[in-house]
Amino acid sequence: MNHGKGHHSPSPTVLLRISDGSCQMHRAFSDFSQAICAAEAYAGAGFVVAMISATGRFLMRLQPRWQSIAV
């Protein structure tokens, strides 16, 4: 393994903070696109999702998206 200055680590970890208003859980992803897909899925299921970088910087918030059912 190359640990020299030219070595680049994989994408930094993205943390999802997922909440339904009463409890909160966290999931970490090393792949940004996977984190986005998961965040959208949680928001689609009715959760509020905050995306936070590995350095602690707030990236974005997704509000719950309730899917309406046609009658």
C-alpha atoms as a PDB file:
ATOM      1  CA  MET A   1       0.000   0.000   0.000  1.00  0.00           C
ATOM      2  CA  ASN A   2       1.285   3.444  -0.870  1.00  0.00           C
ATOM      3  CA  HIS A   3       1.122   5.862   2.048  1.00  0.00           C
ATOM      4  CA  GLY A   4       3.107   8.602   0.315  1.00  0.00           C
ATOM      5  CA  LYS A   5       1.953  12.114  -0.421  1.00  0.00           C
ATOM      6  CA  GLY A   6       0.509  11.144  -3.814  1.00  0.00           C
ATOM      7  CA  HIS A   7      -1.878   8.590  -2.290  1.00  0.00           C
ATOM      8  CA  HIS A   8      -5.522   9.599  -2.231  1.00  0.00           C
ATOM      9  CA  SER A   9      -7.949   7.970   0.164  1.00  0.00           C
ATOM     10  CA  PRO A  10     -11.451   6.948  -0.934  1.00  0.00           C
ATOM     11  CA  SER A  11     -14.302   9.425  -0.741  1.00  0.00           C
ATOM     12  CA  PRO A  12     -14.699  10.850   2.739  1.00  0.00           C
ATOM     13  CA  THR A  13     -17.404   9.375   4.883  1.00  0.00           C
ATOM     14  CA  VAL A  14     -20.822  11.003   4.780  1.00  0.00           C
ATOM     15  CA  LEU A  15     -22.996  10.650   7.866  1.00  0.00           C
ATOM     16  CA  LEU A  16     -26.785  10.544   7.633  1.00  0.00           C
ATOM     17  CA  ARG A  17     -28.701  11.643  10.717  1.00  0.00           C
ATOM     18  CA  ILE A  18     -32.168  10.141  10.296  1.00  0.00           C
ATOM     19  CA  SER A  19     -35.054  11.172  12.541  1.00  0.00           C
ATOM     20  CA  ASP A  20     -38.777  10.520  12.799  1.00  0.00           C
ATOM     21  CA  GLY A  21     -39.211  13.191  15.468  1.00  0.00           C
ATOM     22  CA  SER A  22     -39.049  10.829  18.433  1.00  0.00           C
ATOM     23  CA  CYS A  23     -35.835   8.911  17.810  1.00  0.00           C
ATOM     24  CA  GLN A  24     -32.709   9.353  15.750  1.00  0.00           C
ATOM     25  CA  MET A  25     -30.316   6.985  14.041  1.00  0.00           C
ATOM     26  CA  HIS A  26     -27.099   7.417  12.094  1.00  0.00           C
ATOM     27  CA  ARG A  27     -25.687   5.722   9.027  1.00  0.00           C
ATOM     28  CA  ALA A  28     -22.250   6.309   7.542  1.00  0.00           C
ATOM     29  CA  PHE A  29     -21.311   5.951   3.874  1.00  0.00           C
ATOM     30  CA  SER A  30     -17.937   6.162   2.170  1.00  0.00           C
ATOM     31  CA  ASP A  31     -19.613   6.658  -1.220  1.00  0.00           C
ATOM     32  CA  PHE A  32     -21.420   9.984  -1.701  1.00  0.00           C
ATOM     33  CA  SER A  33     -23.846   8.661  -4.339  1.00  0.00           C
ATOM     34  CA  GLN A  34     -24.873   5.785  -2.047  1.00  0.00           C
ATOM     35  CA  ALA A  35     -25.446   8.301   0.756  1.00  0.00           C
ATOM     36  CA  ILE A  36     -27.685  10.404  -1.526  1.00  0.00           C
ATOM     37  CA  CYS A  37     -29.714   7.339  -2.580  1.00  0.00           C
ATOM     38  CA  ALA A  38     -30.153   6.240   1.035  1.00  0.00           C
ATOM     39  CA  ALA A  39     -31.087   9.763   2.156  1.00  0.00           C
ATOM     40  CA  GLU A  40     -33.732  10.026  -0.566  1.00  0.00           C
ATOM     41  CA  ALA A  41     -35.115   6.609   0.378  1.00  0.00           C
ATOM     42  CA  TYR A  42     -35.386   7.574   4.067  1.00  0.00           C
ATOM     43  CA  ALA A  43     -37.032  10.898   3.152  1.00  0.00           C
ATOM     44  CA  GLY A  44     -39.459   8.983   0.924  1.00  0.00           C
ATOM     45  CA  ALA A  45     -40.321   6.795   3.906  1.00  0.00           C
ATOM     46  CA  GLY A  46     -41.222   9.865   5.996  1.00  0.00           C
ATOM     47  CA  PHE A  47     -37.967  10.620   7.833  1.00  0.00           C
ATOM     48  CA  VAL A  48     -36.092  13.905   8.153  1.00  0.00           C
ATOM     49  CA  VAL A  49     -32.519  13.334   6.976  1.00  0.00           C
ATOM     50  CA  ALA A  50     -29.489  15.534   7.562  1.00  0.00           C
ATOM     51  CA  MET A  51     -26.318  14.824   5.602  1.00  0.00           C
ATOM     52  CA  ILE A  52     -23.073  15.686   7.386  1.00  0.00           C
ATOM     53  CA  SER A  53     -19.516  15.414   6.056  1.00  0.00           C
ATOM     54  CA  ALA A  54     -16.742  13.509   7.806  1.00  0.00           C
ATOM     55  CA  THR A  55     -15.392  16.846   9.022  1.00  0.00           C
ATOM     56  CA  GLY A  56     -18.730  17.682  10.667  1.00  0.00           C
ATOM     57  CA  ARG A  57     -19.885  20.188   8.048  1.00  0.00           C
ATOM     58  CA  PHE A  58     -23.627  20.229   7.375  1.00  0.00           C
ATOM     59  CA  LEU A  59     -24.259  19.354   3.710  1.00  0.00           C
ATOM     60  CA  MET A  60     -28.023  19.244   3.235  1.00  0.00           C
ATOM     61  CA  ARG A  61     -31.357  18.383   4.810  1.00  0.00           C
ATOM     62  CA  LEU A  62     -34.086  16.319   3.191  1.00  0.00           C
ATOM     63  CA  GLN A  63     -37.633  16.729   4.446  1.00  0.00           C
ATOM     64  CA  PRO A  64     -40.036  13.775   4.584  1.00  0.00           C
ATOM     65  CA  ARG A  65     -41.859  13.105   1.343  1.00  0.00           C
ATOM     66  CA  TRP A  66     -45.134  11.351   1.955  1.00  0.00           C
ATOM     67  CA  GLN A  67     -46.235   9.523  -1.134  1.00  0.00           C
ATOM     68  CA  SER A  68     -49.868  10.245  -1.851  1.00  0.00           C
ATOM     69  CA  ILE A  69     -51.997   7.291  -2.812  1.00  0.00           C
ATOM     70  CA  ALA A  70     -54.516   7.789  -5.589  1.00  0.00           C
ATOM     71  CA  VAL A  71     -58.018   6.668  -4.625  1.00  0.00           C
END
